[in-house]
């Protein structure tokens, strides 16, 4: 117990002495002066306010192209949905020929998918 107390006091004294009397030998590095702060970089392009020019809207041709693409995307989505429904109906028909109930549901159906699960 005495040794640990003596070591703790010795460590505190060493730390205080190092703070009060910094070493100045050839083995010690002299503290380097702090590096100067870098100057802020000048912007290469001057700032242009977005309010300095009027609002530009798409041309008639650009708007027509946007609407055409939107209509095509809608048509593709509808076609994909129809294919999905057709696939589900075919699967249900195939399972019905095997005697398996397919959990086919639709919006407003009187039975949910959970009603088709077989209980063991």
N, C-alpha and C. Protein backbone atom coordinates (compact mmCIF):
# COMPACT_ATOMS: atom_id res chain seq x y z
N UNK A 1 0.82 -1.18 0.00
CA UNK A 1 0.00 0.00 0.00
C UNK A 1 0.87 1.25 0.00
N UNK A 2 1.96 1.22 0.78
CA UNK A 2 2.85 2.37 0.83
C UNK A 2 3.49 2.62 -0.52
N UNK A 3 3.85 1.52 -1.20
CA UNK A 3 4.53 1.68 -2.48
C UNK A 3 3.60 2.31 -3.52
N UNK A 4 2.35 1.90 -3.57
CA UNK A 4 1.43 2.46 -4.54
C UNK A 4 1.16 3.92 -4.25
N UNK A 5 1.08 4.29 -2.96
CA UNK A 5 0.88 5.69 -2.60
C UNK A 5 2.11 6.50 -2.99
N UNK A 6 3.29 5.96 -2.75
CA UNK A 6 4.52 6.66 -3.10
C UNK A 6 4.64 6.82 -4.62
N UNK A 7 4.25 5.81 -5.37
CA UNK A 7 4.30 5.90 -6.83
C UNK A 7 3.32 6.96 -7.34
N UNK A 8 2.14 7.02 -6.75
CA UNK A 8 1.15 8.01 -7.18
C UNK A 8 1.64 9.42 -6.91
N UNK A 9 2.23 9.65 -5.73
CA UNK A 9 2.76 10.98 -5.40
C UNK A 9 3.92 11.31 -6.32
N UNK A 10 4.78 10.34 -6.60
CA UNK A 10 5.93 10.56 -7.49
C UNK A 10 5.45 10.91 -8.90
N UNK A 11 4.44 10.23 -9.38
CA UNK A 11 3.92 10.51 -10.71
C UNK A 11 3.33 11.91 -10.77
N UNK A 12 2.62 12.33 -9.72
CA UNK A 12 2.06 13.69 -9.69
C UNK A 12 3.17 14.74 -9.68
N UNK A 13 4.21 14.50 -8.89
CA UNK A 13 5.32 15.46 -8.83
C UNK A 13 6.04 15.55 -10.17
N UNK A 14 6.26 14.39 -10.83
CA UNK A 14 6.90 14.39 -12.14
C UNK A 14 6.10 15.20 -13.15
N UNK A 15 4.79 15.02 -13.11
CA UNK A 15 3.93 15.74 -14.04
C UNK A 15 3.98 17.24 -13.76
N UNK A 16 3.92 17.63 -12.49
CA UNK A 16 3.98 19.06 -12.14
C UNK A 16 5.32 19.67 -12.54
N UNK A 17 6.40 18.95 -12.29
CA UNK A 17 7.73 19.46 -12.66
C UNK A 17 7.87 19.60 -14.17
N UNK A 18 7.32 18.63 -14.93
CA UNK A 18 7.42 18.71 -16.38
C UNK A 18 6.62 19.90 -16.92
N UNK A 19 5.52 20.23 -16.25
CA UNK A 19 4.73 21.37 -16.68
C UNK A 19 5.39 22.69 -16.31
N UNK A 20 6.00 22.74 -15.12
CA UNK A 20 6.64 23.98 -14.66
C UNK A 20 7.98 24.23 -15.33
N UNK A 21 8.77 23.20 -15.53
CA UNK A 21 10.11 23.33 -16.09
C UNK A 21 10.23 22.44 -17.32
N UNK A 22 9.81 22.94 -18.47
CA UNK A 22 9.90 22.09 -19.66
C UNK A 22 11.35 21.81 -20.02
N UNK A 23 11.60 20.64 -20.58
CA UNK A 23 12.95 20.26 -20.95
C UNK A 23 13.42 21.05 -22.17
N UNK A 24 14.73 21.39 -22.18
CA UNK A 24 15.29 22.15 -23.29
C UNK A 24 16.58 21.52 -23.78
N UNK A 25 16.67 20.21 -23.80
CA UNK A 25 17.87 19.54 -24.24
C UNK A 25 17.84 19.31 -25.74
N UNK A 26 18.94 18.73 -26.26
CA UNK A 26 19.00 18.47 -27.69
C UNK A 26 18.08 17.32 -28.09
N UNK A 27 17.68 16.50 -27.13
CA UNK A 27 16.79 15.41 -27.45
C UNK A 27 15.32 15.84 -27.52
N UNK A 28 15.05 16.98 -26.92
CA UNK A 28 13.69 17.49 -26.92
C UNK A 28 13.47 18.36 -28.16
N UNK A 29 12.31 18.23 -28.74
CA UNK A 29 11.97 19.07 -29.87
C UNK A 29 11.48 20.42 -29.37
N UNK A 30 11.91 21.43 -30.04
CA UNK A 30 11.36 22.74 -29.73
C UNK A 30 9.97 22.80 -30.33
N UNK A 31 9.06 23.41 -29.61
CA UNK A 31 7.70 23.46 -30.13
C UNK A 31 7.67 24.34 -31.37
N UNK A 32 7.11 23.79 -32.43
CA UNK A 32 7.04 24.51 -33.69
C UNK A 32 5.94 25.56 -33.60
N UNK A 33 6.17 26.70 -34.24
CA UNK A 33 5.11 27.71 -34.21
C UNK A 33 3.89 27.18 -34.97
N UNK A 34 2.71 27.59 -34.56
CA UNK A 34 1.51 27.08 -35.23
C UNK A 34 1.49 27.50 -36.70
N UNK A 35 1.01 26.59 -37.53
CA UNK A 35 0.95 26.87 -38.96
C UNK A 35 -0.08 27.96 -39.21
N UNK A 36 0.23 28.87 -40.12
CA UNK A 36 -0.74 29.93 -40.39
C UNK A 36 -2.00 29.35 -41.04
N UNK A 37 -3.10 29.95 -40.74
CA UNK A 37 -4.37 29.48 -41.29
C UNK A 37 -4.40 29.75 -42.79
N UNK A 38 -4.86 28.78 -43.57
CA UNK A 38 -4.89 29.02 -45.02
C UNK A 38 -5.89 30.11 -45.37
N UNK A 39 -5.52 30.88 -46.35
CA UNK A 39 -6.40 31.96 -46.79
C UNK A 39 -7.60 31.35 -47.50
N UNK A 40 -8.76 31.95 -47.33
CA UNK A 40 -9.93 31.40 -48.02
C UNK A 40 -9.76 31.50 -49.52
N UNK A 41 -10.13 30.43 -50.18
CA UNK A 41 -9.97 30.38 -51.63
C UNK A 41 -10.99 31.31 -52.28
N UNK A 42 -10.53 32.04 -53.26
CA UNK A 42 -11.43 32.94 -53.98
C UNK A 42 -12.29 32.11 -54.92
N UNK A 43 -13.57 32.37 -55.00
CA UNK A 43 -14.40 31.59 -55.91
C UNK A 43 -13.98 31.81 -57.35
N UNK A 44 -13.90 30.70 -58.09
CA UNK A 44 -13.46 30.81 -59.48
C UNK A 44 -14.57 31.36 -60.37
N UNK A 45 -15.82 31.08 -59.99
CA UNK A 45 -16.96 31.59 -60.75
C UNK A 45 -17.71 32.55 -59.84
N UNK A 46 -17.95 33.75 -60.29
CA UNK A 46 -18.66 34.69 -59.42
C UNK A 46 -20.09 34.19 -59.17
N UNK A 47 -20.59 34.50 -58.00
CA UNK A 47 -21.92 34.05 -57.61
C UNK A 47 -22.97 34.77 -58.45
N UNK A 48 -23.89 33.99 -59.00
CA UNK A 48 -24.98 34.56 -59.77
C UNK A 48 -26.27 34.25 -59.03
N UNK A 49 -27.01 35.26 -58.71
CA UNK A 49 -28.26 35.09 -58.00
C UNK A 49 -29.29 34.43 -58.91
N UNK A 50 -30.05 33.46 -58.39
CA UNK A 50 -31.06 32.83 -59.23
C UNK A 50 -32.18 33.80 -59.59
N UNK A 51 -32.29 34.90 -58.87
CA UNK A 51 -33.34 35.88 -59.15
C UNK A 51 -32.93 36.89 -60.22
N UNK A 52 -31.69 36.77 -60.70
CA UNK A 52 -31.22 37.75 -61.68
C UNK A 52 -31.79 37.51 -63.07
N UNK A 53 -32.34 36.33 -63.34
CA UNK A 53 -32.93 36.07 -64.65
C UNK A 53 -34.33 35.51 -64.45
N UNK A 54 -35.19 35.68 -65.41
CA UNK A 54 -36.57 35.21 -65.23
C UNK A 54 -36.65 33.69 -65.26
N UNK A 55 -37.74 33.18 -64.71
CA UNK A 55 -37.98 31.75 -64.67
C UNK A 55 -38.23 31.25 -66.09
N UNK A 56 -37.55 30.15 -66.42
CA UNK A 56 -37.75 29.58 -67.76
C UNK A 56 -38.54 28.30 -67.62
N UNK A 57 -39.58 28.19 -68.38
CA UNK A 57 -40.40 26.99 -68.35
C UNK A 57 -40.08 26.14 -69.58
N UNK A 58 -40.46 24.87 -69.56
CA UNK A 58 -40.17 24.03 -70.72
C UNK A 58 -40.93 24.52 -71.95
N UNK A 59 -40.32 24.26 -73.08
CA UNK A 59 -40.98 24.65 -74.32
C UNK A 59 -42.16 23.72 -74.59
N UNK A 60 -42.92 24.06 -75.60
CA UNK A 60 -44.09 23.25 -75.95
C UNK A 60 -43.67 21.84 -76.33
N UNK A 61 -42.56 21.71 -77.07
CA UNK A 61 -42.07 20.40 -77.49
C UNK A 61 -41.59 19.58 -76.29
N UNK A 62 -40.87 20.24 -75.38
CA UNK A 62 -40.38 19.53 -74.19
C UNK A 62 -41.54 19.05 -73.32
N UNK A 63 -42.57 19.90 -73.15
CA UNK A 63 -43.73 19.50 -72.36
C UNK A 63 -44.46 18.33 -73.03
N UNK A 64 -44.58 18.38 -74.36
CA UNK A 64 -45.25 17.28 -75.07
C UNK A 64 -44.47 15.98 -74.89
N UNK A 65 -43.14 16.06 -74.93
CA UNK A 65 -42.31 14.87 -74.75
C UNK A 65 -42.47 14.31 -73.32
N UNK A 66 -42.52 15.20 -72.33
CA UNK A 66 -42.71 14.75 -70.95
C UNK A 66 -44.05 14.03 -70.79
N UNK A 67 -45.11 14.60 -71.36
CA UNK A 67 -46.43 13.98 -71.26
C UNK A 67 -46.49 12.65 -72.01
N UNK A 68 -45.80 12.58 -73.16
CA UNK A 68 -45.78 11.34 -73.92
C UNK A 68 -45.08 10.23 -73.14
N UNK A 69 -43.92 10.57 -72.52
CA UNK A 69 -43.20 9.58 -71.71
C UNK A 69 -44.04 9.13 -70.52
N UNK A 70 -44.75 10.07 -69.91
CA UNK A 70 -45.60 9.71 -68.77
C UNK A 70 -46.73 8.77 -69.21
N UNK A 71 -47.32 9.03 -70.37
CA UNK A 71 -48.39 8.17 -70.88
C UNK A 71 -47.85 6.78 -71.21
N UNK A 72 -46.65 6.71 -71.81
CA UNK A 72 -46.04 5.41 -72.12
C UNK A 72 -45.78 4.62 -70.85
N UNK A 73 -45.26 5.30 -69.83
CA UNK A 73 -44.97 4.63 -68.56
C UNK A 73 -46.26 4.10 -67.94
N UNK A 74 -47.32 4.88 -68.02
CA UNK A 74 -48.62 4.45 -67.48
C UNK A 74 -49.13 3.22 -68.25
N UNK A 75 -48.99 3.24 -69.57
CA UNK A 75 -49.45 2.11 -70.38
C UNK A 75 -48.67 0.85 -70.06
N UNK A 76 -47.34 0.99 -69.89
CA UNK A 76 -46.53 -0.18 -69.54
C UNK A 76 -46.91 -0.73 -68.18
N UNK A 77 -47.21 0.15 -67.23
CA UNK A 77 -47.61 -0.29 -65.90
C UNK A 77 -48.93 -1.05 -65.96
N UNK A 78 -49.87 -0.51 -66.72
CA UNK A 78 -51.16 -1.20 -66.87
C UNK A 78 -51.00 -2.56 -67.52
N UNK A 79 -50.16 -2.65 -68.56
CA UNK A 79 -49.94 -3.93 -69.24
C UNK A 79 -49.28 -4.94 -68.30
N UNK A 80 -48.32 -4.47 -67.49
CA UNK A 80 -47.65 -5.37 -66.55
C UNK A 80 -48.65 -5.86 -65.50
N UNK A 81 -49.56 -4.99 -65.07
CA UNK A 81 -50.55 -5.40 -64.07
C UNK A 81 -51.50 -6.45 -64.65
N UNK A 82 -51.90 -6.25 -65.90
CA UNK A 82 -52.78 -7.22 -66.54
C UNK A 82 -52.09 -8.58 -66.68
N UNK A 83 -50.79 -8.56 -67.05
CA UNK A 83 -50.04 -9.82 -67.15
C UNK A 83 -49.94 -10.50 -65.79
N UNK A 84 -49.76 -9.73 -64.74
CA UNK A 84 -49.67 -10.29 -63.40
C UNK A 84 -51.00 -10.96 -63.01
N UNK A 85 -52.10 -10.28 -63.30
CA UNK A 85 -53.41 -10.87 -62.99
C UNK A 85 -53.65 -12.14 -63.79
N UNK A 86 -53.25 -12.12 -65.07
CA UNK A 86 -53.43 -13.30 -65.92
C UNK A 86 -52.59 -14.46 -65.39
N UNK A 87 -51.36 -14.16 -64.98
CA UNK A 87 -50.49 -15.20 -64.42
C UNK A 87 -51.12 -15.79 -63.16
N UNK A 88 -51.69 -14.92 -62.30
CA UNK A 88 -52.28 -15.41 -61.05
C UNK A 88 -53.51 -16.27 -61.33
N UNK A 89 -54.32 -15.88 -62.31
CA UNK A 89 -55.49 -16.69 -62.66
C UNK A 89 -55.08 -18.06 -63.20
N UNK A 90 -54.05 -18.08 -64.05
CA UNK A 90 -53.57 -19.36 -64.59
C UNK A 90 -53.02 -20.25 -63.49
N UNK A 91 -52.32 -19.65 -62.55
CA UNK A 91 -51.76 -20.43 -61.44
C UNK A 91 -52.89 -21.01 -60.59
N UNK A 92 -53.92 -20.19 -60.34
CA UNK A 92 -55.04 -20.68 -59.55
C UNK A 92 -55.74 -21.83 -60.28
N UNK A 93 -55.88 -21.71 -61.62
CA UNK A 93 -56.53 -22.78 -62.39
C UNK A 93 -55.70 -24.05 -62.34
N UNK A 94 -54.38 -23.93 -62.46
CA UNK A 94 -53.50 -25.10 -62.40
C UNK A 94 -53.58 -25.77 -61.04
N UNK A 95 -53.56 -24.98 -59.97
CA UNK A 95 -53.65 -25.55 -58.63
C UNK A 95 -55.02 -26.17 -58.40
N UNK A 96 -56.07 -25.58 -58.99
CA UNK A 96 -57.41 -26.15 -58.83
C UNK A 96 -57.51 -27.52 -59.49
N UNK A 97 -56.83 -27.73 -60.62
CA UNK A 97 -56.84 -29.05 -61.25
C UNK A 97 -56.14 -30.08 -60.39
N UNK A 98 -55.24 -29.62 -59.52
CA UNK A 98 -54.54 -30.54 -58.60
C UNK A 98 -55.28 -30.68 -57.29
N UNK A 99 -56.37 -29.92 -57.09
CA UNK A 99 -57.14 -30.02 -55.86
C UNK A 99 -56.62 -29.14 -54.74
N UNK A 100 -55.85 -28.12 -55.08
CA UNK A 100 -55.29 -27.23 -54.06
C UNK A 100 -56.00 -25.89 -54.16
N UNK A 101 -56.43 -25.35 -53.01
CA UNK A 101 -57.06 -24.03 -53.01
C UNK A 101 -55.99 -22.96 -53.11
N UNK A 102 -56.16 -22.06 -54.03
CA UNK A 102 -55.22 -20.94 -54.21
C UNK A 102 -55.77 -19.74 -53.45
N UNK A 103 -54.92 -19.09 -52.65
CA UNK A 103 -55.41 -17.94 -51.88
C UNK A 103 -55.61 -16.71 -52.76
N UNK A 104 -56.58 -16.77 -53.67
CA UNK A 104 -56.83 -15.68 -54.59
C UNK A 104 -57.77 -14.68 -53.91
N UNK A 105 -57.30 -13.47 -53.74
CA UNK A 105 -58.13 -12.44 -53.12
C UNK A 105 -58.13 -11.21 -54.01
N UNK A 106 -59.07 -10.37 -53.79
CA UNK A 106 -59.17 -9.11 -54.52
C UNK A 106 -59.80 -8.09 -53.57
N UNK A 107 -59.77 -6.85 -53.97
CA UNK A 107 -60.31 -5.81 -53.12
C UNK A 107 -61.82 -6.00 -52.96
N UNK A 108 -62.28 -6.07 -51.74
CA UNK A 108 -63.69 -6.27 -51.46
C UNK A 108 -64.08 -7.74 -51.40
N UNK A 109 -63.11 -8.65 -51.41
CA UNK A 109 -63.41 -10.08 -51.38
C UNK A 109 -63.98 -10.46 -50.02
N UNK A 110 -64.94 -11.40 -49.98
CA UNK A 110 -65.52 -11.80 -48.69
C UNK A 110 -64.57 -12.62 -47.83
N UNK A 111 -63.54 -13.21 -48.44
CA UNK A 111 -62.58 -14.01 -47.69
C UNK A 111 -61.18 -13.46 -47.94
N UNK A 112 -60.36 -13.46 -46.90
CA UNK A 112 -58.97 -13.03 -47.03
C UNK A 112 -58.06 -14.20 -47.33
N UNK A 113 -56.79 -13.92 -47.54
CA UNK A 113 -55.82 -14.98 -47.85
C UNK A 113 -55.65 -15.95 -46.68
N UNK A 114 -55.85 -15.48 -45.46
CA UNK A 114 -55.70 -16.34 -44.28
C UNK A 114 -56.77 -17.43 -44.24
N UNK A 115 -57.92 -17.19 -44.85
CA UNK A 115 -58.99 -18.19 -44.83
C UNK A 115 -58.67 -19.40 -45.69
N UNK A 116 -57.72 -19.29 -46.59
CA UNK A 116 -57.37 -20.39 -47.47
C UNK A 116 -56.26 -21.28 -46.91
N UNK A 117 -55.63 -20.88 -45.84
CA UNK A 117 -54.55 -21.67 -45.29
C UNK A 117 -55.10 -22.94 -44.70
N UNK A 118 -54.42 -24.04 -44.99
CA UNK A 118 -54.86 -25.35 -44.48
C UNK A 118 -54.40 -25.47 -43.03
N UNK A 119 -55.29 -25.90 -42.17
CA UNK A 119 -54.92 -26.10 -40.78
C UNK A 119 -54.49 -27.55 -40.61
N UNK A 120 -53.40 -27.75 -39.88
CA UNK A 120 -52.86 -29.09 -39.70
C UNK A 120 -53.39 -29.74 -38.47
